[in-house]
Amino acid sequence: SDQLIEFELGIWALRTRTQFKLPQQSYEEWLSVYRDLL
């Protein structure tokens, strides 16, 4: 259900065309965590 929330928020952000920062920020944070761990 949490994954569904993230999916919905991502689609919402893309559709509004003004909120793309939200999924972009989420991805950048995950990538940063992965890079640091690696």
PDB file of all heavy atoms in Angstrom:
ATOM      1  N   SER A   1       0.832  -1.207   0.000  1.00  0.00           N
ATOM      2  CA  SER A   1       0.000   0.000   0.000  1.00  0.00           C
ATOM      3  C   SER A   1       0.867   1.257   0.000  1.00  0.00           C
ATOM      4  O   SER A   1       0.499   2.273  -0.605  1.00  0.00           O
ATOM      5  CB  SER A   1      -0.965   0.005   1.185  1.00  0.00           C
ATOM      6  OG  SER A   1      -0.268  -0.039   2.406  1.00  0.00           O
ATOM      7  N   ASP A   2       2.031   1.205   0.644  1.00  0.00           N
ATOM      8  CA  ASP A   2       2.947   2.350   0.592  1.00  0.00           C
ATOM      9  C   ASP A   2       3.525   2.527  -0.806  1.00  0.00           C
ATOM     10  O   ASP A   2       3.724   3.653  -1.266  1.00  0.00           O
ATOM     11  CB  ASP A   2       4.083   2.170   1.599  1.00  0.00           C
ATOM     12  CG  ASP A   2       3.640   2.422   3.031  1.00  0.00           C
ATOM     13  OD1 ASP A   2       2.512   2.929   3.230  1.00  0.00           O
ATOM     14  OD2 ASP A   2       4.410   2.109   3.955  1.00  0.00           O
ATOM     15  N   GLN A   3       3.792   1.417  -1.493  1.00  0.00           N
ATOM     16  CA  GLN A   3       4.290   1.524  -2.871  1.00  0.00           C
ATOM     17  C   GLN A   3       3.225   2.144  -3.776  1.00  0.00           C
ATOM     18  O   GLN A   3       3.528   2.923  -4.672  1.00  0.00           O
ATOM     19  CB  GLN A   3       4.713   0.146  -3.402  1.00  0.00           C
ATOM     20  CG  GLN A   3       5.737  -0.582  -2.550  1.00  0.00           C
ATOM     21  CD  GLN A   3       6.868   0.306  -2.091  1.00  0.00           C
ATOM     22  OE1 GLN A   3       7.465   1.023  -2.891  1.00  0.00           O
ATOM     23  NE2 GLN A   3       7.175   0.283  -0.804  1.00  0.00           N
ATOM     24  N   LEU A   4       1.975   1.807  -3.511  1.00  0.00           N
ATOM     25  CA  LEU A   4       0.875   2.390  -4.273  1.00  0.00           C
ATOM     26  C   LEU A   4       0.792   3.899  -4.029  1.00  0.00           C
ATOM     27  O   LEU A   4       0.545   4.677  -4.958  1.00  0.00           O
ATOM     28  CB  LEU A   4      -0.444   1.711  -3.919  1.00  0.00           C
ATOM     29  CG  LEU A   4      -1.672   2.131  -4.729  1.00  0.00           C
ATOM     30  CD1 LEU A   4      -1.447   1.913  -6.224  1.00  0.00           C
ATOM     31  CD2 LEU A   4      -2.902   1.373  -4.255  1.00  0.00           C
ATOM     32  N   ILE A   5       1.009   4.321  -2.795  1.00  0.00           N
ATOM     33  CA  ILE A   5       1.025   5.755  -2.483  1.00  0.00           C
ATOM     34  C   ILE A   5       2.094   6.453  -3.318  1.00  0.00           C
ATOM     35  O   ILE A   5       1.842   7.487  -3.938  1.00  0.00           O
ATOM     36  CB  ILE A   5       1.286   5.992  -0.981  1.00  0.00           C
ATOM     37  CG1 ILE A   5       0.059   5.615  -0.163  1.00  0.00           C
ATOM     38  CG2 ILE A   5       1.653   7.452  -0.714  1.00  0.00           C
ATOM     39  CD1 ILE A   5       0.289   5.663   1.345  1.00  0.00           C
ATOM     40  N   GLU A   6       3.306   5.904  -3.331  1.00  0.00           N
ATOM     41  CA  GLU A   6       4.392   6.523  -4.095  1.00  0.00           C
ATOM     42  C   GLU A   6       4.064   6.558  -5.583  1.00  0.00           C
ATOM     43  O   GLU A   6       4.330   7.553  -6.263  1.00  0.00           O
ATOM     44  CB  GLU A   6       5.702   5.754  -3.862  1.00  0.00           C
ATOM     45  CG  GLU A   6       6.371   6.048  -2.554  1.00  0.00           C
ATOM     46  CD  GLU A   6       7.043   7.404  -2.517  1.00  0.00           C
ATOM     47  OE1 GLU A   6       6.332   8.417  -2.354  1.00  0.00           O
ATOM     48  OE2 GLU A   6       8.264   7.452  -2.647  1.00  0.00           O
ATOM     49  N   PHE A   7       3.485   5.481  -6.083  1.00  0.00           N
ATOM     50  CA  PHE A   7       3.104   5.412  -7.489  1.00  0.00           C
ATOM     51  C   PHE A   7       2.067   6.497  -7.797  1.00  0.00           C
ATOM     52  O   PHE A   7       2.186   7.234  -8.777  1.00  0.00           O
ATOM     53  CB  PHE A   7       2.549   4.017  -7.791  1.00  0.00           C
ATOM     54  CG  PHE A   7       2.299   3.742  -9.233  1.00  0.00           C
ATOM     55  CD1 PHE A   7       3.352   3.615 -10.130  1.00  0.00           C
ATOM     56  CD2 PHE A   7       1.011   3.614  -9.719  1.00  0.00           C
ATOM     57  CE1 PHE A   7       3.125   3.360 -11.469  1.00  0.00           C
ATOM     58  CE2 PHE A   7       0.775   3.356 -11.054  1.00  0.00           C
ATOM     59  CZ  PHE A   7       1.833   3.238 -11.932  1.00  0.00           C
ATOM     60  N   GLU A   8       1.057   6.609  -6.954  1.00  0.00           N
ATOM     61  CA  GLU A   8       0.012   7.611  -7.162  1.00  0.00           C
ATOM     62  C   GLU A   8       0.567   9.027  -7.083  1.00  0.00           C
ATOM     63  O   GLU A   8       0.197   9.893  -7.877  1.00  0.00           O
ATOM     64  CB  GLU A   8      -1.109   7.431  -6.138  1.00  0.00           C
ATOM     65  CG  GLU A   8      -1.954   6.218  -6.415  1.00  0.00           C
ATOM     66  CD  GLU A   8      -3.428   6.457  -6.125  1.00  0.00           C
ATOM     67  OE1 GLU A   8      -3.909   7.578  -6.328  1.00  0.00           O
ATOM     68  OE2 GLU A   8      -4.066   5.505  -5.702  1.00  0.00           O
ATOM     69  N   LEU A   9       1.432   9.277  -6.109  1.00  0.00           N
ATOM     70  CA  LEU A   9       2.024  10.610  -5.993  1.00  0.00           C
ATOM     71  C   LEU A   9       2.866  10.944  -7.225  1.00  0.00           C
ATOM     72  O   LEU A   9       2.864  12.090  -7.694  1.00  0.00           O
ATOM     73  CB  LEU A   9       2.872  10.716  -4.717  1.00  0.00           C
ATOM     74  CG  LEU A   9       2.098  10.790  -3.402  1.00  0.00           C
ATOM     75  CD1 LEU A   9       3.060  10.753  -2.222  1.00  0.00           C
ATOM     76  CD2 LEU A   9       1.224  12.031  -3.344  1.00  0.00           C
ATOM     77  N   GLY A  10       3.583   9.950  -7.742  1.00  0.00           N
ATOM     78  CA  GLY A  10       4.386  10.176  -8.945  1.00  0.00           C
ATOM     79  C   GLY A  10       3.532  10.512 -10.153  1.00  0.00           C
ATOM     80  O   GLY A  10       3.827  11.446 -10.897  1.00  0.00           O
ATOM     81  N   ILE A  11       2.446   9.771 -10.348  1.00  0.00           N
ATOM     82  CA  ILE A  11       1.538  10.037 -11.469  1.00  0.00           C
ATOM     83  C   ILE A  11       0.888  11.412 -11.307  1.00  0.00           C
ATOM     84  O   ILE A  11       0.782  12.189 -12.257  1.00  0.00           O
ATOM     85  CB  ILE A  11       0.454   8.938 -11.569  1.00  0.00           C
ATOM     86  CG1 ILE A  11       1.103   7.591 -11.886  1.00  0.00           C
ATOM     87  CG2 ILE A  11      -0.601   9.294 -12.594  1.00  0.00           C
ATOM     88  CD1 ILE A  11       1.836   7.524 -13.201  1.00  0.00           C
ATOM     89  N   TRP A  12       0.464  11.726 -10.081  1.00  0.00           N
ATOM     90  CA  TRP A  12      -0.131  13.040  -9.808  1.00  0.00           C
ATOM     91  C   TRP A  12       0.851  14.156 -10.157  1.00  0.00           C
ATOM     92  O   TRP A  12       0.486  15.136 -10.808  1.00  0.00           O
ATOM     93  CB  TRP A  12      -0.541  13.128  -8.330  1.00  0.00           C
ATOM     94  CG  TRP A  12      -0.890  14.524  -7.893  1.00  0.00           C
ATOM     95  CD1 TRP A  12      -2.072  15.175  -8.088  1.00  0.00           C
ATOM     96  CD2 TRP A  12      -0.039  15.438  -7.184  1.00  0.00           C
ATOM     97  NE1 TRP A  12      -2.010  16.441  -7.546  1.00  0.00           N
ATOM     98  CE2 TRP A  12      -0.768  16.623  -6.987  1.00  0.00           C
ATOM     99  CE3 TRP A  12       1.265  15.360  -6.702  1.00  0.00           C
ATOM    100  CZ2 TRP A  12      -0.237  17.724  -6.325  1.00  0.00           C
ATOM    101  CZ3 TRP A  12       1.796  16.456  -6.044  1.00  0.00           C
ATOM    102  CH2 TRP A  12       1.051  17.618  -5.863  1.00  0.00           C
ATOM    103  N   ALA A  13       2.098  13.997  -9.737  1.00  0.00           N
ATOM    104  CA  ALA A  13       3.106  15.023 -10.002  1.00  0.00           C
ATOM    105  C   ALA A  13       3.335  15.199 -11.501  1.00  0.00           C
ATOM    106  O   ALA A  13       3.476  16.318 -11.996  1.00  0.00           O
ATOM    107  CB  ALA A  13       4.414  14.664  -9.298  1.00  0.00           C
ATOM    108  N   LEU A  14       3.368  14.093 -12.235  1.00  0.00           N
ATOM    109  CA  LEU A  14       3.554  14.185 -13.684  1.00  0.00           C
ATOM    110  C   LEU A  14       2.355  14.850 -14.361  1.00  0.00           C
ATOM    111  O   LEU A  14       2.514  15.654 -15.277  1.00  0.00           O
ATOM    112  CB  LEU A  14       3.771  12.792 -14.274  1.00  0.00           C
ATOM    113  CG  LEU A  14       5.100  12.125 -13.941  1.00  0.00           C
ATOM    114  CD1 LEU A  14       5.093  10.686 -14.413  1.00  0.00           C
ATOM    115  CD2 LEU A  14       6.251  12.888 -14.580  1.00  0.00           C
ATOM    116  N   ARG A  15       1.165  14.528 -13.901  1.00  0.00           N
ATOM    117  CA  ARG A  15      -0.036  15.083 -14.527  1.00  0.00           C
ATOM    118  C   ARG A  15      -0.210  16.569 -14.252  1.00  0.00           C
ATOM    119  O   ARG A  15      -0.729  17.298 -15.084  1.00  0.00           O
ATOM    120  CB  ARG A  15      -1.273  14.333 -14.052  1.00  0.00           C
ATOM    121  CG  ARG A  15      -1.349  12.974 -14.684  1.00  0.00           C
ATOM    122  CD  ARG A  15      -2.702  12.388 -14.556  1.00  0.00           C
ATOM    123  NE  ARG A  15      -2.705  11.122 -15.262  1.00  0.00           N
ATOM    124  CZ  ARG A  15      -3.744  10.363 -15.410  1.00  0.00           C
ATOM    125  NH1 ARG A  15      -4.888  10.743 -14.917  1.00  0.00           N
ATOM    126  NH2 ARG A  15      -3.660   9.239 -16.064  1.00  0.00           N
ATOM    127  N   THR A  16       0.189  17.014 -13.081  1.00  0.00           N
ATOM    128  CA  THR A  16       0.025  18.438 -12.778  1.00  0.00           C
ATOM    129  C   THR A  16       1.010  19.278 -13.588  1.00  0.00           C
ATOM    130  O   THR A  16       0.784  20.461 -13.791  1.00  0.00           O
ATOM    131  CB  THR A  16       0.261  18.730 -11.287  1.00  0.00           C
ATOM    132  OG1 THR A  16       1.599  18.370 -10.950  1.00  0.00           O
ATOM    133  CG2 THR A  16      -0.724  17.982 -10.412  1.00  0.00           C
ATOM    134  N   ARG A  17       2.091  18.658 -14.020  1.00  0.00           N
ATOM    135  CA  ARG A  17       3.145  19.302 -14.806  1.00  0.00           C
ATOM    136  C   ARG A  17       3.853  20.433 -14.074  1.00  0.00           C
ATOM    137  O   ARG A  17       4.738  21.069 -14.624  1.00  0.00           O
ATOM    138  CB  ARG A  17       2.588  19.814 -16.142  1.00  0.00           C
ATOM    139  CG  ARG A  17       2.083  18.684 -17.004  1.00  0.00           C
ATOM    140  CD  ARG A  17       1.716  19.148 -18.367  1.00  0.00           C
ATOM    141  NE  ARG A  17       1.216  18.013 -19.115  1.00  0.00           N
ATOM    142  CZ  ARG A  17       0.627  18.123 -20.268  1.00  0.00           C
ATOM    143  NH1 ARG A  17       0.463  19.296 -20.821  1.00  0.00           N
ATOM    144  NH2 ARG A  17       0.204  17.049 -20.889  1.00  0.00           N
ATOM    145  N   THR A  18       3.452  20.683 -12.859  1.00  0.00           N
ATOM    146  CA  THR A  18       4.124  21.715 -12.073  1.00  0.00           C
ATOM    147  C   THR A  18       4.784  21.125 -10.834  1.00  0.00           C
ATOM    148  O   THR A  18       5.496  21.816 -10.136  1.00  0.00           O
ATOM    149  CB  THR A  18       3.127  22.802 -11.618  1.00  0.00           C
ATOM    150  OG1 THR A  18       2.115  22.181 -10.822  1.00  0.00           O
ATOM    151  CG2 THR A  18       2.509  23.512 -12.813  1.00  0.00           C
ATOM    152  N   GLN A  19       4.535  19.859 -10.565  1.00  0.00           N
ATOM    153  CA  GLN A  19       5.009  19.242  -9.333  1.00  0.00           C
ATOM    154  C   GLN A  19       6.041  18.141  -9.586  1.00  0.00           C
ATOM    155  O   GLN A  19       6.207  17.263  -8.750  1.00  0.00           O
ATOM    156  CB  GLN A  19       3.823  18.653  -8.557  1.00  0.00           C
ATOM    157  CG  GLN A  19       2.675  19.607  -8.327  1.00  0.00           C
ATOM    158  CD  GLN A  19       3.069  20.821  -7.519  1.00  0.00           C
ATOM    159  OE1 GLN A  19       4.024  20.788  -6.757  1.00  0.00           O
ATOM    160  NE2 GLN A  19       2.343  21.909  -7.675  1.00  0.00           N
ATOM    161  N   PHE A  20       6.723  18.189 -10.730  1.00  0.00           N
ATOM    162  CA  PHE A  20       7.636  17.105 -11.058  1.00  0.00           C
ATOM    163  C   PHE A  20       8.753  16.962 -10.031  1.00  0.00           C
ATOM    164  O   PHE A  20       9.372  15.916  -9.916  1.00  0.00           O
ATOM    165  CB  PHE A  20       8.224  17.288 -12.454  1.00  0.00           C
ATOM    166  CG  PHE A  20       9.044  16.101 -12.890  1.00  0.00           C
ATOM    167  CD1 PHE A  20       8.431  14.880 -13.135  1.00  0.00           C
ATOM    168  CD2 PHE A  20      10.416  16.183 -13.022  1.00  0.00           C
ATOM    169  CE1 PHE A  20       9.173  13.761 -13.509  1.00  0.00           C
ATOM    170  CE2 PHE A  20      11.168  15.073 -13.396  1.00  0.00           C
ATOM    171  CZ  PHE A  20      10.543  13.873 -13.645  1.00  0.00           C
ATOM    172  N   LYS A  21       8.982  18.009  -9.261  1.00  0.00           N
ATOM    173  CA  LYS A  21      10.028  17.977  -8.242  1.00  0.00           C
ATOM    174  C   LYS A  21       9.845  16.807  -7.271  1.00  0.00           C
ATOM    175  O   LYS A  21      10.812  16.230  -6.786  1.00  0.00           O
ATOM    176  CB  LYS A  21      10.008  19.302  -7.487  1.00  0.00           C
ATOM    177  CG  LYS A  21      10.956  19.393  -6.334  1.00  0.00           C
ATOM    178  CD  LYS A  21      10.751  20.703  -5.593  1.00  0.00           C
ATOM    179  CE  LYS A  21      11.270  20.567  -4.181  1.00  0.00           C
ATOM    180  NZ  LYS A  21      10.755  21.557  -3.283  1.00  0.00           N
ATOM    181  N   LEU A  22       8.596  16.449  -6.976  1.00  0.00           N
ATOM    182  CA  LEU A  22       8.335  15.408  -5.979  1.00  0.00           C
ATOM    183  C   LEU A  22       8.923  14.049  -6.365  1.00  0.00           C
ATOM    184  O   LEU A  22       9.742  13.501  -5.625  1.00  0.00           O
ATOM    185  CB  LEU A  22       6.832  15.311  -5.707  1.00  0.00           C
ATOM    186  CG  LEU A  22       6.400  14.318  -4.633  1.00  0.00           C
ATOM    187  CD1 LEU A  22       6.974  14.694  -3.275  1.00  0.00           C
ATOM    188  CD2 LEU A  22       4.876  14.284  -4.548  1.00  0.00           C
ATOM    189  N   PRO A  23       8.551  13.461  -7.521  1.00  0.00           N
ATOM    190  CA  PRO A  23       9.161  12.168  -7.854  1.00  0.00           C
ATOM    191  C   PRO A  23      10.650  12.288  -8.161  1.00  0.00           C
ATOM    192  O   PRO A  23      11.422  11.373  -7.862  1.00  0.00           O
ATOM    193  CB  PRO A  23       8.371  11.697  -9.081  1.00  0.00           C
ATOM    194  CG  PRO A  23       7.747  12.914  -9.651  1.00  0.00           C
ATOM    195  CD  PRO A  23       7.523  13.849  -8.501  1.00  0.00           C
ATOM    196  N   GLN A  24      11.040  13.408  -8.742  1.00  0.00           N
ATOM    197  CA  GLN A  24      12.461  13.611  -9.056  1.00  0.00           C
ATOM    198  C   GLN A  24      13.282  13.623  -7.772  1.00  0.00           C
ATOM    199  O   GLN A  24      14.339  12.979  -7.681  1.00  0.00           O
ATOM    200  CB  GLN A  24      12.629  14.932  -9.812  1.00  0.00           C
ATOM    201  CG  GLN A  24      14.005  15.143 -10.379  1.00  0.00           C
ATOM    202  CD  GLN A  24      14.055  16.411 -11.219  1.00  0.00           C
ATOM    203  OE1 GLN A  24      13.511  17.443 -10.838  1.00  0.00           O
ATOM    204  NE2 GLN A  24      14.684  16.330 -12.363  1.00  0.00           N
ATOM    205  N   GLN A  25      12.790  14.313  -6.764  1.00  0.00           N
ATOM    206  CA  GLN A  25      13.477  14.383  -5.475  1.00  0.00           C
ATOM    207  C   GLN A  25      13.545  13.007  -4.828  1.00  0.00           C
ATOM    208  O   GLN A  25      14.576  12.616  -4.271  1.00  0.00           O
ATOM    209  CB  GLN A  25      12.721  15.360  -4.578  1.00  0.00           C
ATOM    210  CG  GLN A  25      13.317  15.574  -3.214  1.00  0.00           C
ATOM    211  CD  GLN A  25      12.515  16.609  -2.438  1.00  0.00           C
ATOM    212  OE1 GLN A  25      12.284  17.716  -2.899  1.00  0.00           O
ATOM    213  NE2 GLN A  25      12.076  16.223  -1.257  1.00  0.00           N
ATOM    214  N   SER A  26      12.450  12.258  -4.900  1.00  0.00           N
ATOM    215  CA  SER A  26      12.414  10.912  -4.324  1.00  0.00           C
ATOM    216  C   SER A  26      13.457  10.015  -4.990  1.00  0.00           C
ATOM    217  O   SER A  26      14.213   9.304  -4.325  1.00  0.00           O
ATOM    218  CB  SER A  26      11.018  10.313  -4.476  1.00  0.00           C
ATOM    219  OG  SER A  26      10.982   9.008  -3.943  1.00  0.00           O
ATOM    220  N   TYR A  27      13.515  10.051  -6.327  1.00  0.00           N
ATOM    221  CA  TYR A  27      14.490   9.237  -7.049  1.00  0.00           C
ATOM    222  C   TYR A  27      15.914   9.642  -6.688  1.00  0.00           C
ATOM    223  O   TYR A  27      16.782   8.788  -6.473  1.00  0.00           O
ATOM    224  CB  TYR A  27      14.280   9.365  -8.555  1.00  0.00           C
ATOM    225  CG  TYR A  27      13.455   8.241  -9.123  1.00  0.00           C
ATOM    226  CD1 TYR A  27      12.060   8.292  -9.093  1.00  0.00           C
ATOM    227  CD2 TYR A  27      14.055   7.124  -9.673  1.00  0.00           C
ATOM    228  CE1 TYR A  27      11.298   7.256  -9.600  1.00  0.00           C
ATOM    229  CE2 TYR A  27      13.297   6.085 -10.182  1.00  0.00           C
ATOM    230  CZ  TYR A  27      11.922   6.160 -10.141  1.00  0.00           C
ATOM    231  OH  TYR A  27      11.174   5.128 -10.625  1.00  0.00           O
ATOM    232  N   GLU A  28      16.163  10.946  -6.646  1.00  0.00           N
ATOM    233  CA  GLU A  28      17.518  11.408  -6.338  1.00  0.00           C
ATOM    234  C   GLU A  28      17.943  10.971  -4.941  1.00  0.00           C
ATOM    235  O   GLU A  28      19.104  10.614  -4.720  1.00  0.00           O
ATOM    236  CB  GLU A  28      17.615  12.930  -6.474  1.00  0.00           C
ATOM    237  CG  GLU A  28      17.618  13.413  -7.915  1.00  0.00           C
ATOM    238  CD  GLU A  28      18.745  12.814  -8.753  1.00  0.00           C
ATOM    239  OE1 GLU A  28      19.858  12.582  -8.209  1.00  0.00           O
ATOM    240  OE2 GLU A  28      18.523  12.569  -9.948  1.00  0.00           O
ATOM    241  N   GLU A  29      17.003  10.982  -3.995  1.00  0.00           N
ATOM    242  CA  GLU A  29      17.337  10.539  -2.642  1.00  0.00           C
ATOM    243  C   GLU A  29      17.680   9.053  -2.616  1.00  0.00           C
ATOM    244  O   GLU A  29      18.642   8.641  -1.969  1.00  0.00           O
ATOM    245  CB  GLU A  29      16.173  10.837  -1.694  1.00  0.00           C
ATOM    246  CG  GLU A  29      16.043  12.316  -1.371  1.00  0.00           C
ATOM    247  CD  GLU A  29      14.790  12.638  -0.574  1.00  0.00           C
ATOM    248  OE1 GLU A  29      14.067  11.699  -0.179  1.00  0.00           O
ATOM    249  OE2 GLU A  29      14.538  13.833  -0.358  1.00  0.00           O
ATOM    250  N   TRP A  30      16.871   8.229  -3.315  1.00  0.00           N
ATOM    251  CA  TRP A  30      17.161   6.792  -3.366  1.00  0.00           C
ATOM    252  C   TRP A  30      18.504   6.549  -4.053  1.00  0.00           C
ATOM    253  O   TRP A  30      19.313   5.737  -3.577  1.00  0.00           O
ATOM    254  CB  TRP A  30      16.050   6.037  -4.095  1.00  0.00           C
ATOM    255  CG  TRP A  30      14.895   5.705  -3.210  1.00  0.00           C
ATOM    256  CD1 TRP A  30      13.666   6.293  -3.186  1.00  0.00           C
ATOM    257  CD2 TRP A  30      14.864   4.700  -2.195  1.00  0.00           C
ATOM    258  NE1 TRP A  30      12.878   5.720  -2.225  1.00  0.00           N
ATOM    259  CE2 TRP A  30      13.577   4.731  -1.599  1.00  0.00           C
ATOM    260  CE3 TRP A  30      15.785   3.768  -1.733  1.00  0.00           C
ATOM    261  CZ2 TRP A  30      13.207   3.873  -0.573  1.00  0.00           C
ATOM    262  CZ3 TRP A  30      15.413   2.906  -0.710  1.00  0.00           C
ATOM    263  CH2 TRP A  30      14.141   2.967  -0.136  1.00  0.00           C
ATOM    264  N   LEU A  31      18.759   7.226  -5.164  1.00  0.00           N
ATOM    265  CA  LEU A  31      20.033   7.050  -5.862  1.00  0.00           C
ATOM    266  C   LEU A  31      21.205   7.457  -4.976  1.00  0.00           C
ATOM    267  O   LEU A  31      22.247   6.791  -4.964  1.00  0.00           O
ATOM    268  CB  LEU A  31      20.048   7.868  -7.161  1.00  0.00           C
ATOM    269  CG  LEU A  31      19.209   7.308  -8.300  1.00  0.00           C
ATOM    270  CD1 LEU A  31      19.098   8.328  -9.436  1.00  0.00           C
ATOM    271  CD2 LEU A  31      19.792   6.002  -8.828  1.00  0.00           C
ATOM    272  N   SER A  32      21.044   8.520  -4.219  1.00  0.00           N
ATOM    273  CA  SER A  32      22.104   8.966  -3.319  1.00  0.00           C
ATOM    274  C   SER A  32      22.388   7.920  -2.246  1.00  0.00           C
ATOM    275  O   SER A  32      23.550   7.619  -1.937  1.00  0.00           O
ATOM    276  CB  SER A  32      21.693  10.293  -2.668  1.00  0.00           C
ATOM    277  OG  SER A  32      22.674  10.708  -1.755  1.00  0.00           O
ATOM    278  N   VAL A  33      21.327   7.333  -1.681  1.00  0.00           N
ATOM    279  CA  VAL A  33      21.504   6.268  -0.675  1.00  0.00           C
ATOM    280  C   VAL A  33      22.240   5.088  -1.296  1.00  0.00           C
ATOM    281  O   VAL A  33      23.209   4.562  -0.723  1.00  0.00           O
ATOM    282  CB  VAL A  33      20.139   5.813  -0.108  1.00  0.00           C
ATOM    283  CG1 VAL A  33      20.279   4.526   0.699  1.00  0.00           C
ATOM    284  CG2 VAL A  33      19.517   6.914   0.751  1.00  0.00           C
ATOM    285  N   TYR A  34      21.821   4.673  -2.480  1.00  0.00           N
ATOM    286  CA  TYR A  34      22.460   3.534  -3.156  1.00  0.00           C
ATOM    287  C   TYR A  34      23.926   3.828  -3.454  1.00  0.00           C
ATOM    288  O   TYR A  34      24.794   2.986  -3.214  1.00  0.00           O
ATOM    289  CB  TYR A  34      21.733   3.209  -4.460  1.00  0.00           C
ATOM    290  CG  TYR A  34      20.417   2.495  -4.304  1.00  0.00           C
ATOM    291  CD1 TYR A  34      19.822   2.302  -3.069  1.00  0.00           C
ATOM    292  CD2 TYR A  34      19.746   2.006  -5.411  1.00  0.00           C
ATOM    293  CE1 TYR A  34      18.614   1.645  -2.936  1.00  0.00           C
ATOM    294  CE2 TYR A  34      18.531   1.344  -5.292  1.00  0.00           C
ATOM    295  CZ  TYR A  34      17.975   1.174  -4.052  1.00  0.00           C
ATOM    296  OH  TYR A  34      16.775   0.515  -3.937  1.00  0.00           O
ATOM    297  N   ARG A  35      24.201   5.023  -3.986  1.00  0.00           N
ATOM    298  CA  ARG A  35      25.591   5.372  -4.312  1.00  0.00           C
ATOM    299  C   ARG A  35      26.466   5.347  -3.058  1.00  0.00           C
ATOM    300  O   ARG A  35      27.576   4.815  -3.075  1.00  0.00           O
ATOM    301  CB  ARG A  35      25.657   6.745  -4.991  1.00  0.00           C
ATOM    302  CG  ARG A  35      25.182   6.742  -6.434  1.00  0.00           C
ATOM    303  CD  ARG A  35      25.492   8.055  -7.136  1.00  0.00           C
ATOM    304  NE  ARG A  35      24.726   9.164  -6.597  1.00  0.00           N
ATOM    305  CZ  ARG A  35      23.621   9.670  -7.152  1.00  0.00           C
ATOM    306  NH1 ARG A  35      23.149   9.174  -8.288  1.00  0.00           N
ATOM    307  NH2 ARG A  35      23.000  10.681  -6.599  1.00  0.00           N
ATOM    308  N   ASP A  36      25.959   5.925  -1.967  1.00  0.00           N
ATOM    309  CA  ASP A  36      26.739   5.954  -0.721  1.00  0.00           C
ATOM    310  C   ASP A  36      27.024   4.540  -0.211  1.00  0.00           C
ATOM    311  O   ASP A  36      28.138   4.239   0.223  1.00  0.00           O
ATOM    312  CB  ASP A  36      25.998   6.750   0.357  1.00  0.00           C
ATOM    313  CG  ASP A  36      25.963   8.247   0.077  1.00  0.00           C
ATOM    314  OD1 ASP A  36      26.700   8.711  -0.821  1.00  0.00           O
ATOM    315  OD2 ASP A  36      25.180   8.948   0.750  1.00  0.00           O
ATOM    316  N   LEU A  37      26.006   3.681  -0.265  1.00  0.00           N
ATOM    317  CA  LEU A  37      26.191   2.303   0.196  1.00  0.00           C
ATOM    318  C   LEU A  37      27.179   1.547  -0.684  1.00  0.00           C
ATOM    319  O   LEU A  37      28.022   0.790  -0.181  1.00  0.00           O
ATOM    320  CB  LEU A  37      24.848   1.571   0.222  1.00  0.00           C
ATOM    321  CG  LEU A  37      23.851   2.053   1.278  1.00  0.00           C
ATOM    322  CD1 LEU A  37      22.488   1.392   1.073  1.00  0.00           C
ATOM    323  CD2 LEU A  37      24.375   1.787   2.688  1.00  0.00           C
ATOM    324  N   LEU A  38      27.088   1.741  -1.976  1.00  0.00           N
ATOM    325  CA  LEU A  38      28.009   1.062  -2.893  1.00  0.00           C
ATOM    326  C   LEU A  38      29.440   1.561  -2.696  1.00  0.00           C
ATOM    327  O   LEU A  38      30.387   0.770  -2.716  1.00  0.00           O
ATOM    328  CB  LEU A  38      27.561   1.271  -4.339  1.00  0.00           C
ATOM    329  CG  LEU A  38      26.263   0.556  -4.732  1.00  0.00           C
ATOM    330  CD1 LEU A  38      25.731   1.101  -6.060  1.00  0.00           C
ATOM    331  CD2 LEU A  38      26.475  -0.950  -4.815  1.00  0.00           C
TER     332      LEU A  38
END
